[in-house]
Amino acid sequence: MTSASTFRKRTLAVLGGTAIAALALSGCAAGGGSTTGKTAATSLTVGTTDKVTSLDPAGSYDNGSFAVMNQVYPFLMNSKPGTSDVEADIAESAKFTAPTEFTVVLKKGLTFANGDKLTSSDVKFSFDRQIKIADENGPSTLLYNLESTEAKDDTTVVFHLKAANDQIWPQILSSPAAPIVDEQVFSADKVTSDDDIVKGKAFAGQYTIGSYKFNQLVQFKAFSGYKGLLGAPKTATINLKYYTDQSNMKLDVQKGGIDVASRSLSATDVADLKKDSAVKVTTGPGGEIRYIVFNFDTQPFGAKATGADPAKALAVRQAVADLVDRQAIADQVYKGTYLPLYSYVPAGLTGANTALKGLYGDGKGGPDGAKAKSTLTAAGITAPVVLNLQYNPDHYGASSGDEYALVKSQLEKGGLFTVNLQSTEWVTYSKDRTKDAYPEYQLGWFPDYSDADNYLSPFFAKDNFLANHYDNAEVDSLIKAQAVEADKAKRTKDIETIQDKVAADLSTVPLLQGAQVAVAGKGVSGVTLDASFKFRFGTLTK
């Protein structure tokens, strides 16, 4: 059982560092709780550069893995295409029956694709194993408020919560921590291999997996036994093709080799595709953010670095915040498909502010080299500071190279920093970053749910997902408080205060907020980008 100090974390972004942030493949097709109606006999192909790390919900917490999970696993709560509001999915009902009790009644007759019955026992098993396994790359900390899960009978589940009035719990039940898995196939105490999951046909979402080649090709087949909110999929077979080169994916969607291109295409590619009459580029609201993480132990003057000095370490972070030019990155690298981000909660969500704009740089959002120099000098730092800055070229897209080349030139302007840029592929990157391998490094974030909490608790609560050794007891207390604060005005104020305090500490330096972009070939319909930020293959058709 995780402690109350742990937090809700998400998908390493998890986002692609490109103009194609996330493709929520959804549309205005069949909601409702039945799969009645004929599924089309056609097939189509979706392309992506975003990689899977694990098909086991306990072993991965990234957008590439969750994009597959959304197709094949059932959830207790979900959102209809076109909305971010959650409601019962494979549940008949789901509601608070006491301040610390959330009761779910499952629909009757649910089964997995292998024929195993799906009951409350599987639900309890799914949540118990998340907490027991607590994989460092998994989403178990999203369940920090879960005390225990009780299976009262075959269809009734009661979640006993630690804190009352949890404002986020219904959303958590639609998050990466909440896919329901088959207790006959999955291990109770360790991550189950992809091969065992596919072989066991342990699926009960809109689709099952017909064939699977790790990060090469996944074939999804419509599952007639799904009785959830999303209804029957519009296309019987969806092929998900993985690319190592986004330029090849761009060419394939132009030539009709694939029907839809998802994460990740460069901003230049998207601008070019908008001029091509053979495809349609769709944009939508985006919740993704991009930022630089500082490891408080290994950054210059960090707690375990040579010459450890917390005041000097803070000055280094402050000088970086003084020098970055977000508008230049947004314009030059991403052609306006990303916007400058001056705080930790992106614009558009309740409680978002611009805490960093007034504290750093010229006070108006721009850089200020003189201020950065003064900050370092006042801390007793005179020699150029060496930053070993890591970034990722495949998970966040090829534009990451241009992005961090520009960041390097901005930080080195004036001779205050010497920046050593290094890049690592995602499979290694996602593991090494939690092992203190990178003093400063790139991350992105794609939210689990549309609430400010999902941009705060994963990063700044004690023992956070970043594993960067940031620990501010006051911030941690405020994060816990806002999550259960029923007074909307008070909760909004708490969210604003958290951002102000973290902006003073600079655990991370936010850079950009992105949009969603999808590219589809002629004849493809059902592509809708919504605020649920989920890939949905079931509404695609042609």
Protein backbone atom coordinates (compact mmCIF):
# COMPACT_ATOMS: atom_id res chain seq x y z
CA MET A 1 0.00 0.00 0.00
CA THR A 2 1.43 3.38 -0.94
CA SER A 3 1.62 6.06 1.69
CA ALA A 4 -0.54 9.16 1.77
CA SER A 5 2.46 11.17 0.68
CA THR A 6 2.57 9.60 -2.73
CA PHE A 7 0.82 11.22 -5.60
CA ARG A 8 -1.02 10.97 -8.85
CA LYS A 9 1.42 10.69 -11.72
CA ARG A 10 0.98 10.13 -15.43
CA THR A 11 2.25 9.21 -18.60
CA LEU A 12 5.43 10.35 -19.45
CA ALA A 13 4.36 12.26 -22.05
CA VAL A 14 4.32 10.77 -23.06
CA LEU A 15 3.77 13.31 -25.45
CA GLY A 16 5.34 13.67 -28.59
CA GLY A 17 7.46 16.61 -29.08
CA THR A 18 5.90 17.70 -32.20
CA ALA A 19 3.01 19.39 -33.68
CA ILE A 20 1.17 16.14 -33.62
CA ALA A 21 0.75 15.91 -30.02
CA ALA A 22 -1.81 13.33 -29.30
CA LEU A 23 -4.31 11.93 -31.59
CA ALA A 24 -7.51 11.17 -29.76
CA LEU A 25 -9.04 9.01 -32.40
CA SER A 26 -12.63 9.59 -31.58
CA GLY A 27 -15.77 10.94 -33.09
CA CYS A 28 -19.47 11.41 -32.71
CA ALA A 29 -20.22 7.73 -33.27
CA ALA A 30 -22.05 5.30 -31.10
CA GLY A 31 -21.95 5.90 -27.42
CA GLY A 32 -24.36 4.12 -25.18
CA GLY A 33 -23.87 0.90 -23.36
CA SER A 34 -24.37 -1.72 -26.02
CA THR A 35 -22.47 -3.18 -28.93
CA THR A 36 -25.63 -3.86 -30.88
CA GLY A 37 -25.34 -2.86 -34.49
CA LYS A 38 -23.12 -4.12 -37.25
CA THR A 39 -19.41 -3.46 -37.20
CA ALA A 40 -18.07 -2.55 -40.63
CA ALA A 41 -16.06 -5.25 -42.40
CA THR A 42 -13.38 -2.86 -43.64
CA SER A 43 -9.96 -2.25 -42.12
CA LEU A 44 -7.68 0.75 -41.85
CA THR A 45 -4.17 1.54 -40.69
CA VAL A 46 -2.93 4.08 -38.19
CA GLY A 47 0.71 5.15 -38.07
CA THR A 48 2.68 6.34 -35.06
CA THR A 49 6.25 6.89 -33.91
CA ASP A 50 5.23 6.56 -30.26
CA LYS A 51 6.51 3.35 -28.72
CA VAL A 52 5.01 0.80 -26.34
CA THR A 53 6.99 -0.04 -23.23
CA SER A 54 4.57 -2.63 -21.80
CA LEU A 55 1.01 -3.85 -22.38
CA ASP A 56 0.64 -4.47 -18.66
CA PRO A 57 -1.12 -1.50 -17.03
CA ALA A 58 1.07 -2.01 -13.95
CA GLY A 59 4.29 -1.75 -15.95
CA SER A 60 3.96 1.35 -18.11
CA TYR A 61 2.90 4.95 -17.77
CA ASP A 62 3.42 6.49 -21.19
CA ASN A 63 1.25 7.65 -24.03
CA GLY A 64 2.40 4.99 -26.50
CA SER A 65 1.44 2.14 -24.19
CA PHE A 66 -1.80 3.77 -23.05
CA ALA A 67 -2.84 4.32 -26.68
CA VAL A 68 -2.97 0.53 -27.06
CA MET A 69 -4.54 -0.08 -23.65
CA ASN A 70 -7.42 2.25 -24.47
CA GLN A 71 -8.46 -0.03 -27.29
CA VAL A 72 -8.28 -3.41 -25.53
CA TYR A 73 -8.96 -3.01 -21.81
CA PRO A 74 -12.27 -2.07 -20.21
CA PHE A 75 -12.62 0.74 -17.68
CA LEU A 76 -15.14 1.36 -14.92
CA MET A 77 -15.40 5.00 -15.97
CA ASN A 78 -14.80 6.55 -19.36
CA SER A 79 -15.75 9.53 -21.50
CA LYS A 80 -17.86 9.55 -24.63
CA PRO A 81 -16.07 10.71 -27.76
CA GLY A 82 -16.22 14.49 -27.94
CA THR A 83 -16.23 15.12 -24.20
CA SER A 84 -13.90 14.89 -21.22
CA ASP A 85 -16.66 14.21 -18.70
CA VAL A 86 -16.49 10.70 -17.27
CA GLU A 87 -19.42 8.36 -16.74
CA ALA A 88 -19.95 4.65 -16.23
CA ASP A 89 -18.30 2.45 -18.88
CA ILE A 90 -18.62 -1.28 -18.13
CA ALA A 91 -20.38 -0.27 -14.92
CA GLU A 92 -24.13 -0.09 -14.50
CA SER A 93 -23.62 2.61 -11.89
CA ALA A 94 -20.72 4.34 -10.15
CA LYS A 95 -21.14 6.84 -7.32
CA PHE A 96 -20.15 7.87 -3.82
CA THR A 97 -22.23 6.00 -1.26
CA ALA A 98 -20.33 7.59 1.66
CA PRO A 99 -17.65 10.32 1.87
CA THR A 100 -14.90 7.68 1.72
CA GLU A 101 -16.74 4.96 -0.23
CA PHE A 102 -17.18 4.86 -4.00
CA THR A 103 -19.41 1.99 -5.11
CA VAL A 104 -19.43 0.51 -8.60
CA VAL A 105 -22.00 -2.00 -9.86
CA LEU A 106 -20.86 -3.86 -12.97
CA LYS A 107 -23.09 -4.73 -15.89
CA LYS A 108 -24.12 -8.36 -15.90
CA GLY A 109 -22.66 -10.97 -18.22
CA LEU A 110 -19.29 -9.33 -18.84
CA THR A 111 -16.53 -11.54 -20.24
CA PHE A 112 -12.99 -11.30 -21.51
CA ALA A 113 -12.16 -12.29 -25.08
CA ASN A 114 -10.79 -15.63 -23.85
CA GLY A 115 -14.15 -16.52 -22.34
CA ASP A 116 -13.25 -15.82 -18.70
CA LYS A 117 -15.98 -14.05 -16.76
CA LEU A 118 -15.27 -10.44 -15.81
CA THR A 119 -16.47 -9.92 -12.24
CA SER A 120 -15.82 -7.74 -9.21
CA SER A 121 -13.01 -10.14 -8.32
CA ASP A 122 -11.12 -9.03 -11.44
CA VAL A 123 -11.70 -5.40 -10.52
CA LYS A 124 -10.31 -5.89 -7.02
CA PHE A 125 -7.38 -7.87 -8.46
CA SER A 126 -6.59 -5.09 -10.96
CA PHE A 127 -6.28 -2.40 -8.30
CA ASP A 128 -4.62 -4.60 -5.68
CA ARG A 129 -1.85 -5.63 -8.08
CA GLN A 130 -1.20 -2.04 -9.18
CA ILE A 131 -0.48 -1.10 -5.58
CA LYS A 132 1.46 -4.28 -4.77
CA ILE A 133 3.69 -4.19 -7.85
CA ALA A 134 4.24 -0.41 -7.66
CA ASP A 135 6.55 -0.51 -10.67
CA GLU A 136 8.73 2.59 -10.96
CA ASN A 137 7.57 3.08 -14.53
CA GLY A 138 3.94 2.30 -13.71
CA PRO A 139 0.98 4.47 -12.62
CA SER A 140 0.33 3.00 -9.17
CA THR A 141 0.83 6.33 -7.43
CA LEU A 142 -2.34 7.61 -9.04
CA LEU A 143 -4.03 5.40 -6.43
CA TYR A 144 -2.52 7.20 -3.46
CA ASN A 145 -5.96 7.84 -1.92
CA LEU A 146 -7.08 4.21 -2.20
CA GLU A 147 -7.18 2.43 1.17
CA SER A 148 -8.63 -0.87 -0.08
CA THR A 149 -10.88 -2.43 -2.71
CA GLU A 150 -13.74 -4.68 -1.64
CA ALA A 151 -15.61 -7.14 -3.86
CA LYS A 152 -18.98 -7.38 -2.11
CA ASP A 153 -20.51 -9.74 -4.64
CA ASP A 154 -19.90 -10.71 -8.26
CA THR A 155 -20.98 -7.33 -9.61
CA THR A 156 -20.45 -4.91 -6.71
CA VAL A 157 -17.15 -3.23 -5.87
CA VAL A 158 -16.54 -0.71 -3.09
CA PHE A 159 -13.45 1.49 -3.15
CA HIS A 160 -12.55 2.57 0.37
CA LEU A 161 -10.68 5.89 0.21
CA LYS A 162 -8.27 7.38 2.74
CA ALA A 163 -9.47 10.95 2.40
CA ALA A 164 -13.09 12.01 2.02
CA ASN A 165 -14.55 14.08 -0.81
CA ASP A 166 -11.91 13.13 -3.37
CA GLN A 167 -12.69 15.39 -6.30
CA ILE A 168 -10.58 13.37 -8.71
CA TRP A 169 -11.47 9.75 -7.98
CA PRO A 170 -14.04 9.28 -10.79
CA GLN A 171 -11.42 10.58 -13.22
CA ILE A 172 -8.80 8.23 -11.74
CA LEU A 173 -11.05 5.30 -12.68
CA SER A 174 -10.61 6.28 -16.34
CA SER A 175 -6.85 6.78 -16.04
CA PRO A 176 -3.79 4.59 -16.84
CA ALA A 177 -4.00 3.10 -13.34
CA ALA A 178 -7.50 1.74 -13.92
CA PRO A 179 -7.73 -0.75 -16.83
CA ILE A 180 -9.48 -3.92 -15.64
CA VAL A 181 -7.39 -7.04 -16.28
CA ASP A 182 -8.05 -10.78 -16.15
CA GLU A 183 -6.88 -12.34 -12.89
CA GLN A 184 -6.58 -15.69 -14.67
CA VAL A 185 -3.87 -14.32 -16.98
CA PHE A 186 -2.04 -11.54 -15.15
CA SER A 187 0.42 -12.07 -12.32
CA ALA A 188 -0.64 -10.72 -8.94
CA ASP A 189 2.83 -9.58 -7.93
CA LYS A 190 4.89 -8.85 -11.03
CA VAL A 191 4.55 -7.27 -14.46
CA THR A 192 3.17 -9.75 -17.00
CA SER A 193 4.92 -10.03 -20.36
CA ASP A 194 3.32 -8.76 -23.55
CA ASP A 195 3.49 -12.25 -25.07
CA ASP A 196 1.59 -13.80 -22.17
CA ILE A 197 -1.07 -11.09 -22.30
CA VAL A 198 -1.62 -11.47 -26.05
CA LYS A 199 -1.52 -15.28 -25.87
CA GLY A 200 -4.03 -15.21 -22.99
CA LYS A 201 -6.45 -12.95 -24.94
CA ALA A 202 -6.96 -11.02 -21.73
CA PHE A 203 -8.93 -8.21 -23.35
CA ALA A 204 -12.44 -6.86 -22.90
CA GLY A 205 -12.43 -3.42 -24.53
CA GLN A 206 -13.75 -2.46 -27.95
CA TYR A 207 -10.93 -4.48 -29.52
CA THR A 208 -8.79 -7.53 -28.88
CA ILE A 209 -5.27 -7.99 -30.24
CA GLY A 210 -5.19 -10.41 -33.16
CA SER A 211 -1.44 -10.25 -33.75
CA TYR A 212 1.37 -8.38 -32.08
CA LYS A 213 4.92 -7.49 -33.10
CA PHE A 214 6.49 -5.30 -30.46
CA ASN A 215 6.78 -1.73 -31.73
CA GLN A 216 6.33 -2.90 -35.30
CA LEU A 217 2.70 -3.79 -35.90
CA VAL A 218 -0.41 -4.44 -33.82
CA GLN A 219 -3.61 -5.82 -35.35
CA PHE A 220 -6.79 -4.98 -33.45
CA LYS A 221 -9.96 -7.03 -33.96
CA ALA A 222 -13.42 -5.83 -32.88
CA PHE A 223 -14.63 -7.58 -29.72
CA SER A 224 -18.33 -8.40 -29.84
CA GLY A 225 -18.44 -8.97 -26.08
CA TYR A 226 -17.75 -5.34 -25.16
CA LYS A 227 -20.80 -3.85 -23.41
CA GLY A 228 -19.42 -0.48 -22.44
CA LEU A 229 -20.05 3.19 -23.01
CA LEU A 230 -18.22 3.44 -26.34
CA GLY A 231 -20.41 1.00 -28.25
CA ALA A 232 -19.41 -1.18 -31.19
CA PRO A 233 -16.32 -0.07 -33.14
CA LYS A 234 -17.01 1.27 -36.61
CA THR A 235 -14.21 -0.69 -38.26
CA ALA A 236 -13.63 -4.41 -37.72
CA THR A 237 -9.83 -4.37 -38.06
CA ILE A 238 -7.39 -1.63 -37.16
CA ASN A 239 -3.68 -2.03 -37.89
CA LEU A 240 -1.29 0.11 -35.86
CA LYS A 241 2.02 0.55 -37.66
CA TYR A 242 5.10 1.86 -35.86
CA TYR A 243 7.67 4.11 -37.51
CA THR A 244 11.20 4.96 -36.46
CA ASP A 245 11.34 7.86 -38.91
CA GLN A 246 8.54 10.41 -38.88
CA SER A 247 9.35 11.50 -42.44
CA ASN A 248 8.48 8.00 -43.66
CA MET A 249 5.17 8.19 -41.81
CA LYS A 250 4.46 11.54 -43.44
CA LEU A 251 5.11 10.09 -46.90
CA ASP A 252 2.91 7.08 -46.21
CA VAL A 253 -0.10 9.12 -45.13
CA GLN A 254 0.32 11.33 -48.21
CA LYS A 255 0.49 8.34 -50.54
CA GLY A 256 -2.27 6.36 -48.85
CA GLY A 257 0.04 3.77 -47.32
CA ILE A 258 -1.64 4.48 -43.99
CA ASP A 259 -5.00 6.08 -43.29
CA VAL A 260 -4.15 8.18 -40.25
CA ALA A 261 -0.86 9.59 -38.94
CA SER A 262 -0.58 10.13 -35.22
CA ARG A 263 2.25 11.02 -32.93
CA SER A 264 4.64 12.38 -33.93
CA LEU A 265 5.18 14.63 -36.94
CA SER A 266 7.30 17.75 -36.97
CA ALA A 267 5.77 21.20 -37.15
CA THR A 268 7.36 21.61 -40.58
CA ASP A 269 5.75 18.38 -41.76
CA VAL A 270 2.35 19.46 -40.48
CA ALA A 271 2.65 22.84 -42.20
CA ASP A 272 3.53 21.03 -45.42
CA LEU A 273 0.66 18.54 -45.07
CA LYS A 274 -1.84 21.37 -44.69
CA LYS A 275 -1.07 22.29 -48.29
CA ASP A 276 -1.70 18.74 -49.56
CA SER A 277 -5.23 18.16 -50.84
CA ALA A 278 -4.78 14.38 -50.46
CA VAL A 279 -4.96 14.59 -46.67
CA LYS A 280 -6.86 16.47 -44.01
CA VAL A 281 -5.11 17.98 -41.00
CA THR A 282 -7.28 18.36 -37.91
CA THR A 283 -6.27 20.33 -34.83
CA GLY A 284 -7.86 20.34 -31.40
CA PRO A 285 -7.35 21.35 -27.79
CA GLY A 286 -4.11 20.13 -26.30
CA GLY A 287 -3.17 19.49 -22.70
CA GLU A 288 0.42 18.50 -23.31
CA ILE A 289 3.31 20.43 -21.86
CA ARG A 290 7.10 20.33 -22.32
CA TYR A 291 9.66 21.20 -19.69
CA ILE A 292 13.18 20.79 -18.34
CA VAL A 293 13.62 18.71 -15.17
CA PHE A 294 16.39 19.38 -12.64
CA ASN A 295 17.70 16.53 -10.51
CA PHE A 296 18.17 18.16 -7.10
CA ASP A 297 20.92 15.66 -6.22
CA THR A 298 23.05 15.71 -9.37
CA GLN A 299 22.50 19.13 -10.96
CA PRO A 300 25.35 21.65 -10.53
CA PHE A 301 25.76 22.26 -6.78
CA GLY A 302 23.07 19.64 -6.09
CA ALA A 303 22.90 17.72 -2.81
CA LYS A 304 25.24 14.96 -4.05
CA ALA A 305 27.26 17.01 -6.55
CA THR A 306 30.73 18.47 -6.11
CA GLY A 307 30.55 21.65 -4.03
CA ALA A 308 27.00 20.97 -2.92
CA ASP A 309 25.24 24.21 -2.05
CA PRO A 310 21.43 24.59 -2.16
CA ALA A 311 21.61 28.37 -2.67
CA LYS A 312 23.94 28.00 -5.64
CA ALA A 313 21.84 25.16 -7.04
CA LEU A 314 18.75 27.37 -6.90
CA ALA A 315 20.67 30.22 -8.57
CA VAL A 316 21.55 27.90 -11.45
CA ARG A 317 17.90 27.00 -11.94
CA GLN A 318 16.88 30.65 -11.69
CA ALA A 319 19.46 31.71 -14.28
CA VAL A 320 18.17 29.05 -16.67
CA ALA A 321 14.65 30.42 -16.19
CA ASP A 322 15.98 33.93 -16.86
CA LEU A 323 17.58 32.91 -20.16
CA VAL A 324 15.09 30.63 -21.92
CA ASP A 325 13.09 32.31 -24.67
CA ARG A 326 9.86 30.33 -24.95
CA GLN A 327 8.38 32.45 -27.70
CA ALA A 328 11.42 31.89 -29.90
CA ILE A 329 11.17 28.12 -29.41
CA ALA A 330 7.45 28.14 -30.20
CA ASP A 331 7.93 30.25 -33.33
CA GLN A 332 11.19 28.95 -34.75
CA VAL A 333 10.92 25.25 -33.98
CA TYR A 334 7.19 24.57 -33.77
CA LYS A 335 5.77 27.21 -36.13
CA GLY A 336 3.17 28.27 -33.61
CA THR A 337 1.79 24.76 -33.00
CA TYR A 338 3.10 25.15 -29.45
CA LEU A 339 2.62 28.18 -27.22
CA PRO A 340 4.87 29.55 -24.47
CA LEU A 341 4.06 28.13 -21.03
CA TYR A 342 4.80 30.31 -18.01
CA SER A 343 3.54 28.08 -15.23
CA TYR A 344 2.84 24.46 -14.34
CA VAL A 345 -0.85 24.23 -15.19
CA PRO A 346 -1.54 24.94 -18.87
CA ALA A 347 -3.77 27.80 -19.91
CA GLY A 348 -7.44 26.90 -20.10
CA LEU A 349 -7.66 24.86 -16.91
CA THR A 350 -9.13 26.21 -13.71
CA GLY A 351 -6.42 27.64 -11.48
CA ALA A 352 -3.81 28.16 -14.19
CA ASN A 353 -1.65 31.25 -13.74
CA THR A 354 1.59 32.67 -15.17
CA ALA A 355 3.74 32.46 -12.05
CA LEU A 356 7.10 32.30 -13.86
CA LYS A 357 6.49 35.29 -16.13
CA GLY A 358 6.84 37.86 -13.35
CA LEU A 359 9.60 36.08 -11.45
CA TYR A 360 12.14 35.45 -14.21
CA GLY A 361 13.58 36.98 -17.35
CA ASP A 362 12.38 40.47 -18.28
CA GLY A 363 9.19 40.08 -16.25
CA LYS A 364 7.11 39.99 -19.42
CA GLY A 365 7.91 36.49 -20.64
CA GLY A 366 11.14 37.28 -22.46
CA PRO A 367 14.76 36.46 -21.52
CA ASP A 368 17.10 38.73 -19.57
CA GLY A 369 20.81 37.91 -19.68
CA ALA A 370 21.81 40.67 -17.25
CA LYS A 371 19.39 39.34 -14.64
CA ALA A 372 20.73 35.81 -15.07
CA LYS A 373 24.32 37.04 -14.58
CA SER A 374 23.34 39.02 -11.51
CA THR A 375 21.60 35.97 -10.01
CA LEU A 376 24.68 33.78 -10.46
CA THR A 377 27.09 36.46 -9.22
CA ALA A 378 25.01 37.10 -6.10
CA ALA A 379 25.25 33.37 -5.31
CA GLY A 380 29.04 33.45 -5.68
CA ILE A 381 29.15 31.71 -9.05
CA THR A 382 31.62 33.32 -11.46
CA ALA A 383 32.85 30.58 -13.80
CA PRO A 384 30.57 29.27 -16.58
CA VAL A 385 28.29 26.55 -15.24
CA VAL A 386 28.38 23.22 -17.06
CA LEU A 387 24.95 21.74 -17.79
CA ASN A 388 24.75 18.14 -19.05
CA LEU A 389 21.34 18.42 -20.66
CA GLN A 390 19.68 15.25 -21.93
CA TYR A 391 16.90 15.07 -24.50
CA ASN A 392 15.02 12.35 -26.38
CA PRO A 393 14.74 12.26 -30.20
CA ASP A 394 12.28 9.41 -30.82
CA HIS A 395 9.56 9.67 -28.17
CA TYR A 396 9.33 13.45 -28.42
CA GLY A 397 9.98 13.64 -32.14
CA ALA A 398 12.82 14.77 -34.35
CA SER A 399 12.03 18.41 -33.58
CA SER A 400 13.45 17.82 -30.10
CA GLY A 401 16.90 18.12 -31.62
CA ASP A 402 16.08 21.58 -32.97
CA GLU A 403 14.33 22.54 -29.75
CA TYR A 404 17.27 21.70 -27.53
CA ALA A 405 19.84 23.11 -29.94
CA LEU A 406 17.98 26.40 -29.57
CA VAL A 407 17.78 26.02 -25.78
CA LYS A 408 21.55 25.40 -25.76
CA SER A 409 22.24 28.58 -27.75
CA GLN A 410 19.93 30.60 -25.48
CA LEU A 411 21.62 29.36 -22.30
CA GLU A 412 25.14 29.82 -23.64
CA LYS A 413 24.49 33.38 -24.77
CA GLY A 414 26.59 35.68 -22.59
CA GLY A 415 28.94 32.92 -21.47
CA LEU A 416 27.11 32.01 -18.27
CA PHE A 417 26.61 28.35 -19.19
CA THR A 418 28.35 25.65 -21.16
CA VAL A 419 25.71 23.16 -22.31
CA ASN A 420 26.60 19.59 -23.26
CA LEU A 421 23.66 18.16 -25.18
CA GLN A 422 23.16 14.41 -25.17
CA SER A 423 20.33 12.27 -26.54
CA THR A 424 19.12 8.76 -25.71
CA GLU A 425 16.38 6.56 -27.19
CA TRP A 426 13.18 6.35 -25.21
CA VAL A 427 13.29 2.77 -23.95
CA THR A 428 16.59 3.51 -22.20
CA TYR A 429 15.79 7.15 -21.43
CA SER A 430 12.59 6.37 -19.53
CA LYS A 431 14.47 4.05 -17.17
CA ASP A 432 17.72 5.96 -16.73
CA ARG A 433 16.09 9.26 -15.84
CA THR A 434 14.73 7.72 -12.59
CA LYS A 435 18.21 6.48 -11.63
CA ASP A 436 19.88 9.88 -11.34
CA ALA A 437 21.58 9.43 -14.73
CA TYR A 438 20.61 12.87 -16.01
CA PRO A 439 21.32 16.08 -14.03
CA GLU A 440 19.00 18.04 -16.32
CA TYR A 441 16.68 16.50 -18.87
CA GLN A 442 13.72 16.94 -21.17
CA LEU A 443 10.27 15.62 -20.40
CA GLY A 444 6.80 16.15 -21.73
CA TRP A 445 3.45 15.43 -20.17
CA PHE A 446 0.15 14.32 -21.54
CA PRO A 447 -2.58 14.38 -18.90
CA ASP A 448 -4.55 11.50 -17.45
CA TYR A 449 -7.53 13.75 -16.91
CA SER A 450 -8.46 17.38 -17.52
CA ASP A 451 -7.81 18.83 -14.09
CA ALA A 452 -5.01 20.98 -12.66
CA ASP A 453 -4.23 18.26 -10.11
CA ASN A 454 -2.76 16.12 -12.90
CA TYR A 455 -0.11 18.77 -13.55
CA LEU A 456 0.81 19.20 -9.90
CA SER A 457 0.68 16.00 -7.85
CA PRO A 458 2.73 13.86 -10.29
CA PHE A 459 5.61 16.32 -10.26
CA PHE A 460 5.73 18.14 -6.96
CA ALA A 461 4.32 15.87 -4.24
CA LYS A 462 6.78 13.98 -2.07
CA ASP A 463 8.35 10.93 -3.79
CA ASN A 464 7.14 12.28 -7.11
CA PHE A 465 7.11 10.68 -10.53
CA LEU A 466 10.05 12.76 -11.67
CA ALA A 467 12.21 11.08 -9.01
CA ASN A 468 14.27 14.29 -8.95
CA HIS A 469 14.46 14.53 -5.13
CA TYR A 470 12.31 17.64 -4.88
CA ASP A 471 10.58 17.79 -1.50
CA ASN A 472 8.68 20.80 -0.16
CA ALA A 473 6.44 19.88 2.78
CA GLU A 474 4.20 22.92 2.34
CA VAL A 475 3.66 22.16 -1.34
CA ASP A 476 2.98 18.51 -0.54
CA SER A 477 0.37 19.53 2.05
CA LEU A 478 -1.35 21.90 -0.36
CA ILE A 479 -1.45 19.26 -3.07
CA LYS A 480 -3.22 16.87 -0.71
CA ALA A 481 -5.61 19.60 0.42
CA GLN A 482 -6.74 20.72 -3.03
CA ALA A 483 -7.51 17.14 -4.08
CA VAL A 484 -10.28 16.85 -1.47
CA GLU A 485 -11.42 20.48 -1.30
CA ALA A 486 -15.11 20.67 -2.19
CA ASP A 487 -15.21 24.50 -2.15
CA LYS A 488 -14.33 25.40 -5.74
CA ALA A 489 -13.05 28.88 -4.94
CA LYS A 490 -10.83 27.59 -2.13
CA ARG A 491 -9.52 24.79 -4.32
CA THR A 492 -8.70 27.22 -7.13
CA LYS A 493 -6.77 29.40 -4.69
CA ASP A 494 -4.80 26.39 -3.45
CA ILE A 495 -3.90 25.45 -7.03
CA GLU A 496 -2.65 28.97 -7.69
CA THR A 497 -0.60 28.97 -4.48
CA ILE A 498 1.04 25.66 -5.37
CA GLN A 499 2.16 27.09 -8.71
CA ASP A 500 3.57 30.20 -7.04
CA LYS A 501 5.57 28.16 -4.53
CA VAL A 502 6.93 25.71 -7.08
CA ALA A 503 7.85 28.61 -9.36
CA ALA A 504 10.04 29.93 -6.56
CA ASP A 505 11.70 26.51 -6.14
CA LEU A 506 12.00 25.68 -9.86
CA SER A 507 11.85 21.91 -9.67
CA THR A 508 11.18 22.12 -13.40
CA VAL A 509 11.27 24.91 -15.94
CA PRO A 510 8.13 24.78 -18.12
CA LEU A 511 8.68 25.68 -21.75
CA LEU A 512 5.71 24.96 -24.02
CA GLN A 513 2.05 24.03 -24.21
CA GLY A 514 0.95 22.10 -27.31
CA ALA A 515 -2.08 21.45 -29.44
CA GLN A 516 -3.43 18.16 -30.80
CA VAL A 517 -3.01 17.45 -34.49
CA ALA A 518 -4.20 14.51 -36.59
CA VAL A 519 -3.58 13.81 -40.28
CA ALA A 520 -5.98 11.55 -42.17
CA GLY A 521 -6.25 10.43 -45.76
CA LYS A 522 -9.23 11.03 -48.01
CA GLY A 523 -12.29 9.01 -47.19
CA VAL A 524 -11.42 8.62 -43.51
CA SER A 525 -14.01 9.88 -41.04
CA GLY A 526 -14.57 9.71 -37.31
CA VAL A 527 -11.39 11.56 -36.40
CA THR A 528 -12.18 13.95 -33.54
CA LEU A 529 -9.73 15.56 -31.16
CA ASP A 530 -11.33 16.05 -27.77
CA ALA A 531 -10.32 17.03 -24.26
CA SER A 532 -10.21 13.42 -23.06
CA PHE A 533 -6.78 13.20 -24.74
CA LYS A 534 -7.29 9.52 -25.54
CA PHE A 535 -6.63 7.55 -28.69
CA ARG A 536 -9.91 6.01 -29.84
CA PHE A 537 -9.80 3.68 -32.81
CA GLY A 538 -13.41 2.56 -32.51
CA THR A 539 -14.90 5.61 -34.23
CA LEU A 540 -12.60 5.57 -37.26
CA THR A 541 -14.09 4.48 -40.55
CA LYS A 542 -13.63 4.96 -44.27
